[in-house]
Amino acid sequence: MDNLPFWILTVAYAAHILEEYMLNWKKWAQEISNLQLEWSEFFVANFAVIVLGISCSVVGFSCPVYSYLFVGLSFINGLFAHIGTTIILILK
């Protein structure tokens, strides 16, 4: 139970990935940014993130320097890829 916060974050991130897939994030991203993205790139990148999340959850608070990599990655993703993109789109 000590590592529960890391597991909750990993499950939440996985749910977020599923949400982006089900709502066709790729189409939206291509329309907004003209980035040419493939689903294979989406899957590989997010697979790596989930593997990191699982490994950080297993290690947990016994090695916080490592485990907080996933927390930081989640924060950076939310801040720049989501909030930052929203602000840029609003200011256009």
PDB file of N, CA and C in Angstrom:
ATOM      1  N   MET A   1       0.811  -1.209   0.000  1.00  0.00           N
ATOM      2  CA  MET A   1       0.000   0.000   0.000  1.00  0.00           C
ATOM      3  C   MET A   1       0.848   1.264   0.000  1.00  0.00           C
ATOM      4  N   ASP A   2       2.113   1.136   0.341  1.00  0.00           N
ATOM      5  CA  ASP A   2       2.963   2.322   0.378  1.00  0.00           C
ATOM      6  C   ASP A   2       3.109   2.968  -1.000  1.00  0.00           C
ATOM      7  N   ASN A   3       3.065   2.170  -2.026  1.00  0.00           N
ATOM      8  CA  ASN A   3       3.282   2.685  -3.377  1.00  0.00           C
ATOM      9  C   ASN A   3       1.975   3.023  -4.090  1.00  0.00           C
ATOM     10  N   LEU A   4       0.885   3.026  -3.371  1.00  0.00           N
ATOM     11  CA  LEU A   4      -0.427   3.251  -3.962  1.00  0.00           C
ATOM     12  C   LEU A   4      -0.526   4.545  -4.772  1.00  0.00           C
ATOM     13  N   PRO A   5       0.038   5.668  -4.336  1.00  0.00           N
ATOM     14  CA  PRO A   5      -0.065   6.879  -5.164  1.00  0.00           C
ATOM     15  C   PRO A   5       0.541   6.710  -6.560  1.00  0.00           C
ATOM     16  N   PHE A   6       1.637   5.972  -6.653  1.00  0.00           N
ATOM     17  CA  PHE A   6       2.261   5.741  -7.956  1.00  0.00           C
ATOM     18  C   PHE A   6       1.379   4.844  -8.830  1.00  0.00           C
ATOM     19  N   TRP A   7       0.758   3.839  -8.221  1.00  0.00           N
ATOM     20  CA  TRP A   7      -0.142   2.959  -8.967  1.00  0.00           C
ATOM     21  C   TRP A   7      -1.377   3.725  -9.446  1.00  0.00           C
ATOM     22  N   ILE A   8      -1.907   4.590  -8.608  1.00  0.00           N
ATOM     23  CA  ILE A   8      -3.068   5.394  -9.002  1.00  0.00           C
ATOM     24  C   ILE A   8      -2.706   6.284 -10.189  1.00  0.00           C
ATOM     25  N   LEU A   9      -1.539   6.909 -10.141  1.00  0.00           N
ATOM     26  CA  LEU A   9      -1.095   7.754 -11.244  1.00  0.00           C
ATOM     27  C   LEU A   9      -0.919   6.931 -12.518  1.00  0.00           C
ATOM     28  N   THR A  10      -0.367   5.743 -12.412  1.00  0.00           N
ATOM     29  CA  THR A  10      -0.169   4.886 -13.581  1.00  0.00           C
ATOM     30  C   THR A  10      -1.506   4.492 -14.200  1.00  0.00           C
ATOM     31  N   VAL A  11      -2.465   4.118 -13.368  1.00  0.00           N
ATOM     32  CA  VAL A  11      -3.794   3.754 -13.870  1.00  0.00           C
ATOM     33  C   VAL A  11      -4.475   4.975 -14.499  1.00  0.00           C
ATOM     34  N   ALA A  12      -4.344   6.135 -13.865  1.00  0.00           N
ATOM     35  CA  ALA A  12      -4.938   7.355 -14.415  1.00  0.00           C
ATOM     36  C   ALA A  12      -4.307   7.704 -15.761  1.00  0.00           C
ATOM     37  N   TYR A  13      -3.000   7.546 -15.867  1.00  0.00           N
ATOM     38  CA  TYR A  13      -2.322   7.831 -17.137  1.00  0.00           C
ATOM     39  C   TYR A  13      -2.788   6.856 -18.214  1.00  0.00           C
ATOM     40  N   ALA A  14      -2.935   5.588 -17.853  1.00  0.00           N
ATOM     41  CA  ALA A  14      -3.416   4.588 -18.815  1.00  0.00           C
ATOM     42  C   ALA A  14      -4.836   4.927 -19.262  1.00  0.00           C
ATOM     43  N   ALA A  15      -5.675   5.372 -18.341  1.00  0.00           N
ATOM     44  CA  ALA A  15      -7.036   5.777 -18.695  1.00  0.00           C
ATOM     45  C   ALA A  15      -7.008   6.988 -19.629  1.00  0.00           C
ATOM     46  N   HIS A  16      -6.077   7.887 -19.393  1.00  0.00           N
ATOM     47  CA  HIS A  16      -5.929   9.064 -20.248  1.00  0.00           C
ATOM     48  C   HIS A  16      -5.504   8.667 -21.662  1.00  0.00           C
ATOM     49  N   ILE A  17      -4.615   7.707 -21.770  1.00  0.00           N
ATOM     50  CA  ILE A  17      -4.192   7.209 -23.077  1.00  0.00           C
ATOM     51  C   ILE A  17      -5.390   6.598 -23.807  1.00  0.00           C
ATOM     52  N   LEU A  18      -6.168   5.802 -23.093  1.00  0.00           N
ATOM     53  CA  LEU A  18      -7.359   5.194 -23.692  1.00  0.00           C
ATOM     54  C   LEU A  18      -8.345   6.266 -24.151  1.00  0.00           C
ATOM     55  N   GLU A  19      -8.512   7.300 -23.351  1.00  0.00           N
ATOM     56  CA  GLU A  19      -9.397   8.409 -23.712  1.00  0.00           C
ATOM     57  C   GLU A  19      -8.908   9.103 -24.981  1.00  0.00           C
ATOM     58  N   GLU A  20      -7.620   9.364 -25.077  1.00  0.00           N
ATOM     59  CA  GLU A  20      -7.084  10.004 -26.275  1.00  0.00           C
ATOM     60  C   GLU A  20      -7.283   9.118 -27.504  1.00  0.00           C
ATOM     61  N   TYR A  21      -7.117   7.830 -27.350  1.00  0.00           N
ATOM     62  CA  TYR A  21      -7.314   6.911 -28.467  1.00  0.00           C
ATOM     63  C   TYR A  21      -8.785   6.871 -28.884  1.00  0.00           C
ATOM     64  N   MET A  22      -9.678   6.737 -27.927  1.00  0.00           N
ATOM     65  CA  MET A  22     -11.103   6.613 -28.225  1.00  0.00           C
ATOM     66  C   MET A  22     -11.685   7.910 -28.818  1.00  0.00           C
ATOM     67  N   LEU A  23     -11.136   9.045 -28.436  1.00  0.00           N
ATOM     68  CA  LEU A  23     -11.609  10.319 -28.971  1.00  0.00           C
ATOM     69  C   LEU A  23     -10.823  10.767 -30.202  1.00  0.00           C
ATOM     70  N   ASN A  24     -10.008   9.878 -30.733  1.00  0.00           N
ATOM     71  CA  ASN A  24      -9.227  10.107 -31.957  1.00  0.00           C
ATOM     72  C   ASN A  24      -8.326  11.342 -31.836  1.00  0.00           C
ATOM     73  N   TRP A  25      -7.485  11.319 -30.827  1.00  0.00           N
ATOM     74  CA  TRP A  25      -6.543  12.402 -30.582  1.00  0.00           C
ATOM     75  C   TRP A  25      -5.683  12.692 -31.812  1.00  0.00           C
ATOM     76  N   LYS A  26      -5.308  11.648 -32.527  1.00  0.00           N
ATOM     77  CA  LYS A  26      -4.435  11.803 -33.704  1.00  0.00           C
ATOM     78  C   LYS A  26      -5.064  12.750 -34.726  1.00  0.00           C
ATOM     79  N   LYS A  27      -6.323  12.552 -35.037  1.00  0.00           N
ATOM     80  CA  LYS A  27      -6.999  13.403 -36.011  1.00  0.00           C
ATOM     81  C   LYS A  27      -7.014  14.851 -35.530  1.00  0.00           C
ATOM     82  N   TRP A  28      -7.363  15.045 -34.266  1.00  0.00           N
ATOM     83  CA  TRP A  28      -7.410  16.398 -33.708  1.00  0.00           C
ATOM     84  C   TRP A  28      -6.036  17.055 -33.767  1.00  0.00           C
ATOM     85  N   ALA A  29      -5.003  16.327 -33.354  1.00  0.00           N
ATOM     86  CA  ALA A  29      -3.646  16.886 -33.333  1.00  0.00           C
ATOM     87  C   ALA A  29      -3.186  17.254 -34.737  1.00  0.00           C
ATOM     88  N   GLN A  30      -3.530  16.444 -35.709  1.00  0.00           N
ATOM     89  CA  GLN A  30      -3.138  16.750 -37.087  1.00  0.00           C
ATOM     90  C   GLN A  30      -3.883  17.975 -37.623  1.00  0.00           C
ATOM     91  N   GLU A  31      -5.136  18.128 -37.271  1.00  0.00           N
ATOM     92  CA  GLU A  31      -5.900  19.292 -37.723  1.00  0.00           C
ATOM     93  C   GLU A  31      -5.390  20.584 -37.088  1.00  0.00           C
ATOM     94  N   ILE A  32      -5.034  20.512 -35.826  1.00  0.00           N
ATOM     95  CA  ILE A  32      -4.611  21.694 -35.081  1.00  0.00           C
ATOM     96  C   ILE A  32      -3.177  22.091 -35.417  1.00  0.00           C
ATOM     97  N   SER A  33      -2.282  21.113 -35.507  1.00  0.00           N
ATOM     98  CA  SER A  33      -0.859  21.433 -35.600  1.00  0.00           C
ATOM     99  C   SER A  33      -0.218  21.064 -36.940  1.00  0.00           C
ATOM    100  N   ASN A  34      -0.920  20.367 -37.777  1.00  0.00           N
ATOM    101  CA  ASN A  34      -0.371  19.866 -39.036  1.00  0.00           C
ATOM    102  C   ASN A  34       0.776  18.882 -38.831  1.00  0.00           C
ATOM    103  N   LEU A  35       0.889  18.316 -37.647  1.00  0.00           N
ATOM    104  CA  LEU A  35       1.869  17.257 -37.412  1.00  0.00           C
ATOM    105  C   LEU A  35       1.395  15.987 -38.099  1.00  0.00           C
ATOM    106  N   GLN A  36       2.294  15.312 -38.733  1.00  0.00           N
ATOM    107  CA  GLN A  36       1.963  14.040 -39.359  1.00  0.00           C
ATOM    108  C   GLN A  36       2.320  12.926 -38.380  1.00  0.00           C
ATOM    109  N   LEU A  37       1.320  12.423 -37.710  1.00  0.00           N
ATOM    110  CA  LEU A  37       1.517  11.411 -36.683  1.00  0.00           C
ATOM    111  C   LEU A  37       0.899  10.095 -37.125  1.00  0.00           C
ATOM    112  N   GLU A  38       1.477   9.032 -36.676  1.00  0.00           N
ATOM    113  CA  GLU A  38       0.949   7.699 -36.941  1.00  0.00           C
ATOM    114  C   GLU A  38       0.514   7.076 -35.624  1.00  0.00           C
ATOM    115  N   TRP A  39      -0.485   6.209 -35.690  1.00  0.00           N
ATOM    116  CA  TRP A  39      -0.915   5.528 -34.471  1.00  0.00           C
ATOM    117  C   TRP A  39       0.213   4.683 -33.891  1.00  0.00           C
ATOM    118  N   SER A  40       1.065   4.145 -34.736  1.00  0.00           N
ATOM    119  CA  SER A  40       2.174   3.326 -34.226  1.00  0.00           C
ATOM    120  C   SER A  40       3.087   4.155 -33.327  1.00  0.00           C
ATOM    121  N   GLU A  41       3.335   5.404 -33.680  1.00  0.00           N
ATOM    122  CA  GLU A  41       4.153   6.286 -32.837  1.00  0.00           C
ATOM    123  C   GLU A  41       3.447   6.566 -31.514  1.00  0.00           C
ATOM    124  N   PHE A  42       2.143   6.787 -31.583  1.00  0.00           N
ATOM    125  CA  PHE A  42       1.337   7.005 -30.380  1.00  0.00           C
ATOM    126  C   PHE A  42       1.442   5.798 -29.450  1.00  0.00           C
ATOM    127  N   PHE A  43       1.274   4.591 -30.016  1.00  0.00           N
ATOM    128  CA  PHE A  43       1.303   3.379 -29.205  1.00  0.00           C
ATOM    129  C   PHE A  43       2.683   3.118 -28.609  1.00  0.00           C
ATOM    130  N   VAL A  44       3.729   3.296 -29.385  1.00  0.00           N
ATOM    131  CA  VAL A  44       5.086   3.040 -28.887  1.00  0.00           C
ATOM    132  C   VAL A  44       5.436   4.018 -27.766  1.00  0.00           C
ATOM    133  N   ALA A  45       5.157   5.292 -27.972  1.00  0.00           N
ATOM    134  CA  ALA A  45       5.470   6.302 -26.951  1.00  0.00           C
ATOM    135  C   ALA A  45       4.688   6.039 -25.674  1.00  0.00           C
ATOM    136  N   ASN A  46       3.407   5.745 -25.810  1.00  0.00           N
ATOM    137  CA  ASN A  46       2.597   5.524 -24.619  1.00  0.00           C
ATOM    138  C   ASN A  46       2.889   4.186 -23.952  1.00  0.00           C
ATOM    139  N   PHE A  47       3.304   3.185 -24.725  1.00  0.00           N
ATOM    140  CA  PHE A  47       3.742   1.927 -24.134  1.00  0.00           C
ATOM    141  C   PHE A  47       4.956   2.176 -23.240  1.00  0.00           C
ATOM    142  N   ALA A  48       5.895   2.968 -23.737  1.00  0.00           N
ATOM    143  CA  ALA A  48       7.090   3.290 -22.949  1.00  0.00           C
ATOM    144  C   ALA A  48       6.713   4.032 -21.666  1.00  0.00           C
ATOM    145  N   VAL A  49       5.752   4.936 -21.761  1.00  0.00           N
ATOM    146  CA  VAL A  49       5.315   5.694 -20.579  1.00  0.00           C
ATOM    147  C   VAL A  49       4.685   4.750 -19.551  1.00  0.00           C
ATOM    148  N   ILE A  50       3.859   3.825 -20.003  1.00  0.00           N
ATOM    149  CA  ILE A  50       3.216   2.901 -19.069  1.00  0.00           C
ATOM    150  C   ILE A  50       4.236   1.946 -18.460  1.00  0.00           C
ATOM    151  N   VAL A  51       5.209   1.491 -19.236  1.00  0.00           N
ATOM    152  CA  VAL A  51       6.279   0.644 -18.667  1.00  0.00           C
ATOM    153  C   VAL A  51       7.032   1.425 -17.582  1.00  0.00           C
ATOM    154  N   LEU A  52       7.330   2.692 -17.859  1.00  0.00           N
ATOM    155  CA  LEU A  52       7.971   3.531 -16.847  1.00  0.00           C
ATOM    156  C   LEU A  52       7.079   3.660 -15.627  1.00  0.00           C
ATOM    157  N   GLY A  53       5.792   3.897 -15.842  1.00  0.00           N
ATOM    158  CA  GLY A  53       4.861   4.037 -14.725  1.00  0.00           C
ATOM    159  C   GLY A  53       4.796   2.789 -13.869  1.00  0.00           C
ATOM    160  N   ILE A  54       4.749   1.642 -14.505  1.00  0.00           N
ATOM    161  CA  ILE A  54       4.708   0.381 -13.752  1.00  0.00           C
ATOM    162  C   ILE A  54       6.005   0.179 -12.981  1.00  0.00           C
ATOM    163  N   SER A  55       7.132   0.422 -13.623  1.00  0.00           N
ATOM    164  CA  SER A  55       8.411   0.216 -12.925  1.00  0.00           C
ATOM    165  C   SER A  55       8.567   1.204 -11.771  1.00  0.00           C
ATOM    166  N   CYS A  56       8.121   2.434 -11.962  1.00  0.00           N
ATOM    167  CA  CYS A  56       8.188   3.413 -10.868  1.00  0.00           C
ATOM    168  C   CYS A  56       7.232   3.038  -9.741  1.00  0.00           C
ATOM    169  N   SER A  57       6.085   2.463 -10.089  1.00  0.00           N
ATOM    170  CA  SER A  57       5.127   2.047  -9.069  1.00  0.00           C
ATOM    171  C   SER A  57       5.656   0.872  -8.253  1.00  0.00           C
ATOM    172  N   VAL A  58       6.349  -0.030  -8.916  1.00  0.00           N
ATOM    173  CA  VAL A  58       6.931  -1.173  -8.203  1.00  0.00           C
ATOM    174  C   VAL A  58       8.004  -0.695  -7.217  1.00  0.00           C
ATOM    175  N   VAL A  59       8.856   0.204  -7.659  1.00  0.00           N
ATOM    176  CA  VAL A  59       9.931   0.717  -6.815  1.00  0.00           C
ATOM    177  C   VAL A  59       9.370   1.638  -5.742  1.00  0.00           C
ATOM    178  N   GLY A  60       8.476   2.526  -6.148  1.00  0.00           N
ATOM    179  CA  GLY A  60       7.785   3.416  -5.212  1.00  0.00           C
ATOM    180  C   GLY A  60       8.703   4.271  -4.370  1.00  0.00           C
ATOM    181  N   PHE A  61       8.321   4.409  -3.123  1.00  0.00           N
ATOM    182  CA  PHE A  61       9.038   5.297  -2.208  1.00  0.00           C
ATOM    183  C   PHE A  61      10.383   4.740  -1.746  1.00  0.00           C
ATOM    184  N   SER A  62      10.693   3.486  -2.104  1.00  0.00           N
ATOM    185  CA  SER A  62      12.003   2.954  -1.716  1.00  0.00           C
ATOM    186  C   SER A  62      13.126   3.596  -2.531  1.00  0.00           C
ATOM    187  N   CYS A  63      12.795   4.145  -3.696  1.00  0.00           N
ATOM    188  CA  CYS A  63      13.765   4.877  -4.512  1.00  0.00           C
ATOM    189  C   CYS A  63      13.048   6.072  -5.149  1.00  0.00           C
ATOM    190  N   PRO A  64      12.767   7.090  -4.343  1.00  0.00           N
ATOM    191  CA  PRO A  64      11.964   8.210  -4.847  1.00  0.00           C
ATOM    192  C   PRO A  64      12.604   8.971  -6.000  1.00  0.00           C
ATOM    193  N   VAL A  65      13.923   8.977  -6.072  1.00  0.00           N
ATOM    194  CA  VAL A  65      14.588   9.677  -7.181  1.00  0.00           C
ATOM    195  C   VAL A  65      14.141   9.080  -8.509  1.00  0.00           C
ATOM    196  N   TYR A  66      14.026   7.773  -8.559  1.00  0.00           N
ATOM    197  CA  TYR A  66      13.562   7.103  -9.772  1.00  0.00           C
ATOM    198  C   TYR A  66      12.050   7.236  -9.927  1.00  0.00           C
ATOM    199  N   SER A  67      11.303   6.956  -8.890  1.00  0.00           N
ATOM    200  CA  SER A  67       9.846   6.931  -8.977  1.00  0.00           C
ATOM    201  C   SER A  67       9.252   8.271  -9.352  1.00  0.00           C
ATOM    202  N   TYR A  68       9.862   9.334  -8.901  1.00  0.00           N
ATOM    203  CA  TYR A  68       9.328  10.650  -9.212  1.00  0.00           C
ATOM    204  C   TYR A  68       9.609  11.071 -10.663  1.00  0.00           C
ATOM    205  N   LEU A  69      10.373  10.264 -11.402  1.00  0.00           N
ATOM    206  CA  LEU A  69      10.511  10.508 -12.844  1.00  0.00           C
ATOM    207  C   LEU A  69       9.147  10.438 -13.522  1.00  0.00           C
ATOM    208  N   PHE A  70       8.356   9.460 -13.116  1.00  0.00           N
ATOM    209  CA  PHE A  70       7.031   9.298 -13.710  1.00  0.00           C
ATOM    210  C   PHE A  70       6.097  10.434 -13.291  1.00  0.00           C
ATOM    211  N   VAL A  71       6.196  10.843 -12.060  1.00  0.00           N
ATOM    212  CA  VAL A  71       5.399  11.981 -11.587  1.00  0.00           C
ATOM    213  C   VAL A  71       5.773  13.224 -12.391  1.00  0.00           C
ATOM    214  N   GLY A  72       7.072  13.453 -12.560  1.00  0.00           N
ATOM    215  CA  GLY A  72       7.540  14.601 -13.333  1.00  0.00           C
ATOM    216  C   GLY A  72       7.118  14.533 -14.787  1.00  0.00           C
ATOM    217  N   LEU A  73       7.227  13.360 -15.392  1.00  0.00           N
ATOM    218  CA  LEU A  73       6.805  13.183 -16.778  1.00  0.00           C
ATOM    219  C   LEU A  73       5.318  13.490 -16.937  1.00  0.00           C
ATOM    220  N   SER A  74       4.520  13.016 -16.003  1.00  0.00           N
ATOM    221  CA  SER A  74       3.075  13.273 -16.042  1.00  0.00           C
ATOM    222  C   SER A  74       2.789  14.765 -15.909  1.00  0.00           C
ATOM    223  N   PHE A  75       3.508  15.414 -15.020  1.00  0.00           N
ATOM    224  CA  PHE A  75       3.326  16.853 -14.819  1.00  0.00           C
ATOM    225  C   PHE A  75       3.719  17.638 -16.062  1.00  0.00           C
ATOM    226  N   ILE A  76       4.866  17.318 -16.644  1.00  0.00           N
ATOM    227  CA  ILE A  76       5.343  18.004 -17.845  1.00  0.00           C
ATOM    228  C   ILE A  76       4.368  17.784 -19.004  1.00  0.00           C
ATOM    229  N   ASN A  77       3.880  16.561 -19.160  1.00  0.00           N
ATOM    230  CA  ASN A  77       2.914  16.262 -20.212  1.00  0.00           C
ATOM    231  C   ASN A  77       1.649  17.099 -20.019  1.00  0.00           C
ATOM    232  N   GLY A  78       1.138  17.131 -18.819  1.00  0.00           N
ATOM    233  CA  GLY A  78      -0.068  17.916 -18.553  1.00  0.00           C
ATOM    234  C   GLY A  78       0.152  19.405 -18.757  1.00  0.00           C
ATOM    235  N   LEU A  79       1.275  19.897 -18.280  1.00  0.00           N
ATOM    236  CA  LEU A  79       1.549  21.328 -18.347  1.00  0.00           C
ATOM    237  C   LEU A  79       1.783  21.806 -19.772  1.00  0.00           C
ATOM    238  N   PHE A  80       2.677  21.161 -20.484  1.00  0.00           N
ATOM    239  CA  PHE A  80       3.051  21.640 -21.814  1.00  0.00           C
ATOM    240  C   PHE A  80       2.149  21.093 -22.925  1.00  0.00           C
ATOM    241  N   ALA A  81       1.931  19.791 -22.947  1.00  0.00           N
ATOM    242  CA  ALA A  81       1.184  19.192 -24.052  1.00  0.00           C
ATOM    243  C   ALA A  81      -0.312  19.468 -23.975  1.00  0.00           C
ATOM    244  N   HIS A  82      -0.816  19.733 -22.781  1.00  0.00           N
ATOM    245  CA  HIS A  82      -2.252  19.932 -22.648  1.00  0.00           C
ATOM    246  C   HIS A  82      -2.607  21.378 -22.296  1.00  0.00           C
ATOM    247  N   ILE A  83      -2.138  21.848 -21.180  1.00  0.00           N
ATOM    248  CA  ILE A  83      -2.462  23.220 -20.773  1.00  0.00           C
ATOM    249  C   ILE A  83      -1.797  24.226 -21.704  1.00  0.00           C
ATOM    250  N   GLY A  84      -0.539  24.012 -22.019  1.00  0.00           N
ATOM    251  CA  GLY A  84       0.177  24.930 -22.920  1.00  0.00           C
ATOM    252  C   GLY A  84      -0.466  24.995 -24.290  1.00  0.00           C
ATOM    253  N   THR A  85      -0.833  23.834 -24.833  1.00  0.00           N
ATOM    254  CA  THR A  85      -1.492  23.801 -26.138  1.00  0.00           C
ATOM    255  C   THR A  85      -2.829  24.535 -26.092  1.00  0.00           C
ATOM    256  N   THR A  86      -3.578  24.344 -25.021  1.00  0.00           N
ATOM    257  CA  THR A  86      -4.858  25.027 -24.871  1.00  0.00           C
ATOM    258  C   THR A  86      -4.670  26.536 -24.836  1.00  0.00           C
ATOM    259  N   ILE A  87      -3.689  27.003 -24.092  1.00  0.00           N
ATOM    260  CA  ILE A  87      -3.429  28.458 -24.018  1.00  0.00           C
ATOM    261  C   ILE A  87      -3.048  28.999 -25.387  1.00  0.00           C
ATOM    262  N   ILE A  88      -2.191  28.285 -26.099  1.00  0.00           N
ATOM    263  CA  ILE A  88      -1.782  28.739 -27.440  1.00  0.00           C
ATOM    264  C   ILE A  88      -2.978  28.793 -28.372  1.00  0.00           C
ATOM    265  N   LEU A  89      -3.843  27.796 -28.316  1.00  0.00           N
ATOM    266  CA  LEU A  89      -5.026  27.784 -29.182  1.00  0.00           C
ATOM    267  C   LEU A  89      -5.990  28.914 -28.830  1.00  0.00           C
ATOM    268  N   ILE A  90      -6.124  29.230 -27.558  1.00  0.00           N
ATOM    269  CA  ILE A  90      -7.004  30.326 -27.129  1.00  0.00           C
ATOM    270  C   ILE A  90      -6.460  31.659 -27.617  1.00  0.00           C
ATOM    271  N   LEU A  91      -5.137  31.822 -27.574  1.00  0.00           N
ATOM    272  CA  LEU A  91      -4.516  33.094 -27.946  1.00  0.00           C
ATOM    273  C   LEU A  91      -4.448  33.298 -29.454  1.00  0.00           C
ATOM    274  N   LYS A  92      -4.711  32.283 -30.237  1.00  0.00           N
ATOM    275  CA  LYS A  92      -4.648  32.406 -31.711  1.00  0.00           C
ATOM    276  C   LYS A  92      -5.746  33.305 -32.218  1.00  0.00           C
TER     277      LYS A  92
END
